[in-house]
Amino acid sequence: MNKGYIIFANQRIDDPTLDIKAVRRIFGDEPVREAGVYINGTLQSPRLSLFSDPPVEEKKILSYLTLGTALGEEEEDKAPVLSARSKAKPYKVGMYLWPNIYVSYGVDPSRQSNNKIYNVRYEFGRQFWVEGEFKEEGNGIDFSYILER
């Protein structure tokens, strides 16, 4: 993380302003030097945007962030074609803002447009959490818990 500000001044305590920049340096890939994510807005309405230097496609940026390298042309050729896109899993990248608050950004390759997915998870403990998912076709919230015997 290059910089990270969570600002509570003049804000509701449960909705601070976010100003975060996380960057991953890329080694061994000559044209791309770094890839990262900007997170701004508020905790309840985060805006995430991916970037790279030089700019490349979002799916490559996600690959750089998660794997440290882009998928090669061979792997891209083997990727599911449009007719089989529904079986493709979303790519996600995320980070903990605090020990109990996790945010993530994802792209669902099974959708041609409006394929961005935003998640925010608040962990009350190891066994109970609330997670919100925000995407174009609708939002959702999950309450999850683990019971041990």
C-alpha atoms as a PDB file:
ATOM      1  CA  MET A   1       0.000   0.000   0.000  1.00  0.00           C
ATOM      2  CA  ASN A   2       1.522   3.323  -1.068  1.00  0.00           C
ATOM      3  CA  LYS A   3      -0.881   5.508   0.850  1.00  0.00           C
ATOM      4  CA  GLY A   4      -3.966   4.998   2.885  1.00  0.00           C
ATOM      5  CA  TYR A   5      -6.208   7.479   4.590  1.00  0.00           C
ATOM      6  CA  ILE A   6      -9.394   6.706   6.448  1.00  0.00           C
ATOM      7  CA  ILE A   7     -10.882  10.031   7.464  1.00  0.00           C
ATOM      8  CA  PHE A   8     -13.432  10.291  10.265  1.00  0.00           C
ATOM      9  CA  ALA A   9     -13.468  14.105  10.545  1.00  0.00           C
ATOM     10  CA  ASN A  10     -16.947  15.499   9.855  1.00  0.00           C
ATOM     11  CA  GLN A  11     -18.183  12.000   8.937  1.00  0.00           C
ATOM     12  CA  ARG A  12     -20.482   9.453  10.529  1.00  0.00           C
ATOM     13  CA  ILE A  13     -18.407   6.990  12.552  1.00  0.00           C
ATOM     14  CA  ASP A  14     -19.667   4.053  10.461  1.00  0.00           C
ATOM     15  CA  ASP A  15     -19.058   5.769   7.097  1.00  0.00           C
ATOM     16  CA  PRO A  16     -15.542   7.291   6.999  1.00  0.00           C
ATOM     17  CA  THR A  17     -14.020   8.719   3.828  1.00  0.00           C
ATOM     18  CA  LEU A  18     -11.531   6.418   2.071  1.00  0.00           C
ATOM     19  CA  ASP A  19      -8.460   7.517   0.122  1.00  0.00           C
ATOM     20  CA  ILE A  20      -6.275   4.466  -0.519  1.00  0.00           C
ATOM     21  CA  LYS A  21      -3.737   3.617  -3.196  1.00  0.00           C
ATOM     22  CA  ALA A  22      -2.259   0.115  -3.315  1.00  0.00           C
ATOM     23  CA  VAL A  23       0.468  -0.614  -5.890  1.00  0.00           C
ATOM     24  CA  ARG A  24       2.292  -3.778  -6.887  1.00  0.00           C
ATOM     25  CA  ARG A  25       5.615  -3.366  -8.670  1.00  0.00           C
ATOM     26  CA  ILE A  26       5.921  -5.708 -11.630  1.00  0.00           C
ATOM     27  CA  PHE A  27       9.253  -7.360 -12.369  1.00  0.00           C
ATOM     28  CA  GLY A  28      10.123  -9.443 -15.402  1.00  0.00           C
ATOM     29  CA  ASP A  29       7.460  -7.950 -17.679  1.00  0.00           C
ATOM     30  CA  GLU A  30       9.220  -5.276 -19.685  1.00  0.00           C
ATOM     31  CA  PRO A  31       6.342  -3.008 -20.732  1.00  0.00           C
ATOM     32  CA  VAL A  32       4.379  -2.946 -17.438  1.00  0.00           C
ATOM     33  CA  ARG A  33       6.148  -1.462 -14.412  1.00  0.00           C
ATOM     34  CA  GLU A  34       3.330  -1.397 -11.852  1.00  0.00           C
ATOM     35  CA  ALA A  35      -0.338  -2.206 -11.333  1.00  0.00           C
ATOM     36  CA  GLY A  36      -2.654  -1.097  -8.587  1.00  0.00           C
ATOM     37  CA  VAL A  37      -6.010  -0.078  -7.249  1.00  0.00           C
ATOM     38  CA  TYR A  38      -7.417   3.236  -6.002  1.00  0.00           C
ATOM     39  CA  ILE A  39     -10.128   3.042  -3.351  1.00  0.00           C
ATOM     40  CA  ASN A  40     -11.977   6.257  -2.579  1.00  0.00           C
ATOM     41  CA  GLY A  41     -15.446   7.396  -1.621  1.00  0.00           C
ATOM     42  CA  THR A  42     -16.873   6.266   1.693  1.00  0.00           C
ATOM     43  CA  LEU A  43     -16.955   2.930   3.457  1.00  0.00           C
ATOM     44  CA  GLN A  44     -20.616   2.471   2.583  1.00  0.00           C
ATOM     45  CA  SER A  45     -20.138   3.658  -1.037  1.00  0.00           C
ATOM     46  CA  PRO A  46     -16.587   2.758  -2.060  1.00  0.00           C
ATOM     47  CA  ARG A  47     -15.321   3.469  -5.579  1.00  0.00           C
ATOM     48  CA  LEU A  48     -12.540   1.253  -6.833  1.00  0.00           C
ATOM     49  CA  SER A  49     -10.534   1.805  -9.972  1.00  0.00           C
ATOM     50  CA  LEU A  50      -7.690  -0.234 -11.382  1.00  0.00           C
ATOM     51  CA  PHE A  51      -4.613   1.264 -13.008  1.00  0.00           C
ATOM     52  CA  SER A  52      -1.288   0.243 -14.487  1.00  0.00           C
ATOM     53  CA  ASP A  53       1.765   1.946 -15.934  1.00  0.00           C
ATOM     54  CA  PRO A  54       1.438   1.857 -18.928  1.00  0.00           C
ATOM     55  CA  PRO A  55      -2.343   1.311 -19.092  1.00  0.00           C
ATOM     56  CA  VAL A  56      -3.553  -2.199 -20.009  1.00  0.00           C
ATOM     57  CA  GLU A  57      -6.906  -4.054 -19.917  1.00  0.00           C
ATOM     58  CA  GLU A  58      -8.600  -4.598 -16.539  1.00  0.00           C
ATOM     59  CA  LYS A  59      -8.264  -8.387 -16.730  1.00  0.00           C
ATOM     60  CA  LYS A  60      -4.504  -8.009 -17.178  1.00  0.00           C
ATOM     61  CA  ILE A  61      -4.314  -5.571 -14.256  1.00  0.00           C
ATOM     62  CA  LEU A  62      -6.142  -8.083 -12.061  1.00  0.00           C
ATOM     63  CA  SER A  63      -3.718 -10.759 -13.206  1.00  0.00           C
ATOM     64  CA  TYR A  64      -0.752  -8.518 -12.346  1.00  0.00           C
ATOM     65  CA  LEU A  65      -2.217  -7.760  -8.919  1.00  0.00           C
ATOM     66  CA  THR A  66      -2.973 -11.364  -8.028  1.00  0.00           C
ATOM     67  CA  LEU A  67      -0.231 -13.285  -9.837  1.00  0.00           C
ATOM     68  CA  GLY A  68       2.480 -10.673 -10.384  1.00  0.00           C
ATOM     69  CA  THR A  69       2.411 -11.361 -14.111  1.00  0.00           C
ATOM     70  CA  ALA A  70      -0.046 -11.164 -17.001  1.00  0.00           C
ATOM     71  CA  LEU A  71      -1.587 -14.221 -18.556  1.00  0.00           C
ATOM     72  CA  GLY A  72       0.421 -15.108 -21.632  1.00  0.00           C
ATOM     73  CA  GLU A  73      -1.112 -15.158 -25.074  1.00  0.00           C
ATOM     74  CA  GLU A  74      -1.254 -18.976 -24.852  1.00  0.00           C
ATOM     75  CA  GLU A  75      -3.302 -18.851 -21.646  1.00  0.00           C
ATOM     76  CA  GLU A  76      -5.625 -16.179 -23.068  1.00  0.00           C
ATOM     77  CA  ASP A  77      -6.220 -18.362 -26.136  1.00  0.00           C
ATOM     78  CA  LYS A  78      -7.183 -21.243 -23.830  1.00  0.00           C
ATOM     79  CA  ALA A  79      -9.551 -19.062 -21.772  1.00  0.00           C
ATOM     80  CA  PRO A  80     -13.268 -19.848 -22.078  1.00  0.00           C
ATOM     81  CA  VAL A  81     -14.849 -18.530 -25.248  1.00  0.00           C
ATOM     82  CA  LEU A  82     -17.974 -16.346 -25.161  1.00  0.00           C
ATOM     83  CA  SER A  83     -20.345 -19.316 -25.382  1.00  0.00           C
ATOM     84  CA  ALA A  84     -18.744 -20.879 -22.308  1.00  0.00           C
ATOM     85  CA  ARG A  85     -18.360 -17.630 -20.344  1.00  0.00           C
ATOM     86  CA  SER A  86     -21.045 -18.558 -17.840  1.00  0.00           C
ATOM     87  CA  LYS A  87     -18.634 -21.099 -16.295  1.00  0.00           C
ATOM     88  CA  ALA A  88     -15.862 -18.527 -15.787  1.00  0.00           C
ATOM     89  CA  LYS A  89     -15.307 -17.391 -12.207  1.00  0.00           C
ATOM     90  CA  PRO A  90     -15.011 -13.718 -11.287  1.00  0.00           C
ATOM     91  CA  TYR A  91     -11.543 -12.276 -10.719  1.00  0.00           C
ATOM     92  CA  LYS A  92     -11.295 -10.425  -7.405  1.00  0.00           C
ATOM     93  CA  VAL A  93      -8.666  -8.423  -5.594  1.00  0.00           C
ATOM     94  CA  GLY A  94      -9.115  -7.107  -2.094  1.00  0.00           C
ATOM     95  CA  MET A  95      -7.467  -5.953   1.064  1.00  0.00           C
ATOM     96  CA  TYR A  96      -8.114  -5.426   4.751  1.00  0.00           C
ATOM     97  CA  LEU A  97      -8.551  -1.753   5.601  1.00  0.00           C
ATOM     98  CA  TRP A  98      -8.602  -2.651   9.288  1.00  0.00           C
ATOM     99  CA  PRO A  99      -8.299  -6.025  10.959  1.00  0.00           C
ATOM    100  CA  ASN A 100     -12.081  -6.507  10.668  1.00  0.00           C
ATOM    101  CA  ILE A 101     -12.984  -4.619   7.447  1.00  0.00           C
ATOM    102  CA  TYR A 102     -12.249  -6.195   4.071  1.00  0.00           C
ATOM    103  CA  VAL A 103     -13.023  -4.577   0.697  1.00  0.00           C
ATOM    104  CA  SER A 104     -12.666  -6.141  -2.730  1.00  0.00           C
ATOM    105  CA  TYR A 105     -13.187  -5.336  -6.394  1.00  0.00           C
ATOM    106  CA  GLY A 106     -13.869  -7.905  -9.047  1.00  0.00           C
ATOM    107  CA  VAL A 107     -14.656  -8.425 -12.698  1.00  0.00           C
ATOM    108  CA  ASP A 108     -17.009 -11.151 -13.847  1.00  0.00           C
ATOM    109  CA  PRO A 109     -15.801 -12.409 -17.262  1.00  0.00           C
ATOM    110  CA  SER A 110     -19.107 -14.195 -17.826  1.00  0.00           C
ATOM    111  CA  ARG A 111     -20.735 -10.798 -18.493  1.00  0.00           C
ATOM    112  CA  GLN A 112     -19.941  -8.617 -21.506  1.00  0.00           C
ATOM    113  CA  SER A 113     -20.902  -5.301 -19.876  1.00  0.00           C
ATOM    114  CA  ASN A 114     -21.566  -4.081 -16.344  1.00  0.00           C
ATOM    115  CA  ASN A 115     -19.275  -6.800 -15.076  1.00  0.00           C
ATOM    116  CA  LYS A 116     -17.825  -4.988 -12.038  1.00  0.00           C
ATOM    117  CA  ILE A 117     -18.445  -6.371  -8.542  1.00  0.00           C
ATOM    118  CA  TYR A 118     -17.728  -4.531  -5.277  1.00  0.00           C
ATOM    119  CA  ASN A 119     -17.701  -6.247  -1.876  1.00  0.00           C
ATOM    120  CA  VAL A 120     -17.384  -4.977   1.676  1.00  0.00           C
ATOM    121  CA  ARG A 121     -17.137  -7.398   4.622  1.00  0.00           C
ATOM    122  CA  TYR A 122     -17.265  -6.509   8.312  1.00  0.00           C
ATOM    123  CA  GLU A 123     -16.045  -9.266  10.616  1.00  0.00           C
ATOM    124  CA  PHE A 124     -17.473  -9.226  14.137  1.00  0.00           C
ATOM    125  CA  GLY A 125     -15.149 -12.085  15.035  1.00  0.00           C
ATOM    126  CA  ARG A 126     -13.778 -15.295  13.560  1.00  0.00           C
ATOM    127  CA  GLN A 127     -17.232 -16.841  13.484  1.00  0.00           C
ATOM    128  CA  PHE A 128     -19.605 -14.054  12.431  1.00  0.00           C
ATOM    129  CA  TRP A 129     -19.478 -11.502   9.597  1.00  0.00           C
ATOM    130  CA  VAL A 130     -21.669  -9.392   7.331  1.00  0.00           C
ATOM    131  CA  GLU A 131     -20.835  -9.006   3.650  1.00  0.00           C
ATOM    132  CA  GLY A 132     -22.389  -6.684   1.101  1.00  0.00           C
ATOM    133  CA  GLU A 133     -22.076  -7.174  -2.652  1.00  0.00           C
ATOM    134  CA  PHE A 134     -22.767  -4.325  -5.048  1.00  0.00           C
ATOM    135  CA  LYS A 135     -23.163  -4.829  -8.799  1.00  0.00           C
ATOM    136  CA  GLU A 136     -25.147  -3.402 -11.684  1.00  0.00           C
ATOM    137  CA  GLU A 137     -28.012  -5.903 -11.644  1.00  0.00           C
ATOM    138  CA  GLY A 138     -28.580  -5.587  -7.896  1.00  0.00           C
ATOM    139  CA  ASN A 139     -27.106  -5.470  -4.431  1.00  0.00           C
ATOM    140  CA  GLY A 140     -27.140  -8.077  -1.718  1.00  0.00           C
ATOM    141  CA  ILE A 141     -26.124  -8.633   1.857  1.00  0.00           C
ATOM    142  CA  ASP A 142     -25.157 -11.868   3.591  1.00  0.00           C
ATOM    143  CA  PHE A 143     -25.002 -12.612   7.293  1.00  0.00           C
ATOM    144  CA  SER A 144     -22.651 -15.534   7.916  1.00  0.00           C
ATOM    145  CA  TYR A 145     -21.676 -17.442  11.017  1.00  0.00           C
ATOM    146  CA  ILE A 146     -19.876 -20.636  11.959  1.00  0.00           C
ATOM    147  CA  LEU A 147     -21.111 -23.019  14.643  1.00  0.00           C
ATOM    148  CA  GLU A 148     -18.578 -25.394  16.133  1.00  0.00           C
ATOM    149  CA  ARG A 149     -19.419 -28.473  18.135  1.00  0.00           C
END
